Amino acid sequence: MEEKAFDLVLTGHIHKSFGRDSIGGTEVVNPGAVADGRYGILETGDEIDVKFKELG
């Protein structure tokens, strides 16, 4: 991500680093582990909209 340009990178199964960040101009989204009750809803268009949710 630091060497190439991407609009968006989605990650998963990383238990500690959930959230939204930017690395080298690339938007990085990790909703967290569904085993911990976390998930995300992503909508794309002119902008990237992310809603982080929890089960329950």
C-alpha atoms as a PDB file:
ATOM      1  CA  MET A   1       0.000   0.000   0.000  1.00  0.00           C
ATOM      2  CA  GLU A   2       2.922   2.318   0.513  1.00  0.00           C
ATOM      3  CA  GLU A   3       4.324   1.575  -2.947  1.00  0.00           C
ATOM      4  CA  LYS A   4       1.146   1.250  -5.058  1.00  0.00           C
ATOM      5  CA  ALA A   5      -2.044   3.285  -5.070  1.00  0.00           C
ATOM      6  CA  PHE A   6      -5.310   1.554  -4.190  1.00  0.00           C
ATOM      7  CA  ASP A   7      -8.655   3.188  -3.500  1.00  0.00           C
ATOM      8  CA  LEU A   8      -9.573   0.717  -0.779  1.00  0.00           C
ATOM      9  CA  VAL A   9      -8.197  -2.307   1.056  1.00  0.00           C
ATOM     10  CA  LEU A  10     -10.503  -4.530   3.119  1.00  0.00           C
ATOM     11  CA  THR A  11      -8.956  -6.712   5.776  1.00  0.00           C
ATOM     12  CA  GLY A  12     -10.401  -9.248   8.117  1.00  0.00           C
ATOM     13  CA  HIS A  13      -9.667 -11.726  10.851  1.00  0.00           C
ATOM     14  CA  ILE A  14      -7.426  -9.275  12.672  1.00  0.00           C
ATOM     15  CA  HIS A  15      -8.790  -9.193  16.197  1.00  0.00           C
ATOM     16  CA  LYS A  16      -7.032  -6.118  17.584  1.00  0.00           C
ATOM     17  CA  SER A  17      -6.775  -3.605  14.746  1.00  0.00           C
ATOM     18  CA  PHE A  18     -10.392  -3.090  13.789  1.00  0.00           C
ATOM     19  CA  GLY A  19     -11.413   0.306  12.465  1.00  0.00           C
ATOM     20  CA  ARG A  20     -10.681   2.607   9.575  1.00  0.00           C
ATOM     21  CA  ASP A  21      -7.335   4.159   8.682  1.00  0.00           C
ATOM     22  CA  SER A  22      -5.284   5.467   5.788  1.00  0.00           C
ATOM     23  CA  ILE A  23      -1.866   4.214   4.723  1.00  0.00           C
ATOM     24  CA  GLY A  24      -0.026   6.024   1.957  1.00  0.00           C
ATOM     25  CA  GLY A  25      -3.303   7.460   0.636  1.00  0.00           C
ATOM     26  CA  THR A  26      -5.054   4.075   0.611  1.00  0.00           C
ATOM     27  CA  GLU A  27      -8.212   3.706   2.689  1.00  0.00           C
ATOM     28  CA  VAL A  28      -7.938   0.630   4.947  1.00  0.00           C
ATOM     29  CA  VAL A  29     -11.042  -0.894   6.552  1.00  0.00           C
ATOM     30  CA  ASN A  30     -11.063  -3.769   9.047  1.00  0.00           C
ATOM     31  CA  PRO A  31     -14.456  -4.484  10.621  1.00  0.00           C
ATOM     32  CA  GLY A  32     -12.895  -6.935  13.077  1.00  0.00           C
ATOM     33  CA  ALA A  33     -13.620 -10.573  13.717  1.00  0.00           C
ATOM     34  CA  VAL A  34     -17.179 -11.814  13.370  1.00  0.00           C
ATOM     35  CA  ALA A  35     -16.285 -14.337  16.093  1.00  0.00           C
ATOM     36  CA  ASP A  36     -16.120 -11.287  18.393  1.00  0.00           C
ATOM     37  CA  GLY A  37     -19.506 -10.103  17.091  1.00  0.00           C
ATOM     38  CA  ARG A  38     -18.144  -7.379  14.808  1.00  0.00           C
ATOM     39  CA  TYR A  39     -18.921  -6.737  11.147  1.00  0.00           C
ATOM     40  CA  GLY A  40     -19.167  -3.824   8.749  1.00  0.00           C
ATOM     41  CA  ILE A  41     -21.424  -2.529   6.021  1.00  0.00           C
ATOM     42  CA  LEU A  42     -19.597  -0.835   3.162  1.00  0.00           C
ATOM     43  CA  GLU A  43     -21.246   1.350   0.541  1.00  0.00           C
ATOM     44  CA  THR A  44     -19.293   2.768  -2.367  1.00  0.00           C
ATOM     45  CA  GLY A  45     -20.098   5.523  -4.806  1.00  0.00           C
ATOM     46  CA  ASP A  46     -18.609   8.995  -4.942  1.00  0.00           C
ATOM     47  CA  GLU A  47     -17.379   8.340  -1.398  1.00  0.00           C
ATOM     48  CA  ILE A  48     -16.664   5.262   0.724  1.00  0.00           C
ATOM     49  CA  ASP A  49     -19.138   4.917   3.582  1.00  0.00           C
ATOM     50  CA  VAL A  50     -18.450   2.351   6.304  1.00  0.00           C
ATOM     51  CA  LYS A  51     -20.724   1.490   9.180  1.00  0.00           C
ATOM     52  CA  PHE A  52     -19.244  -0.697  11.913  1.00  0.00           C
ATOM     53  CA  LYS A  53     -21.775  -2.969  13.613  1.00  0.00           C
ATOM     54  CA  GLU A  54     -21.883  -5.492  16.431  1.00  0.00           C
ATOM     55  CA  LEU A  55     -24.110  -8.535  16.711  1.00  0.00           C
ATOM     56  CA  GLY A  56     -26.685  -8.538  19.440  1.00  0.00           C
END
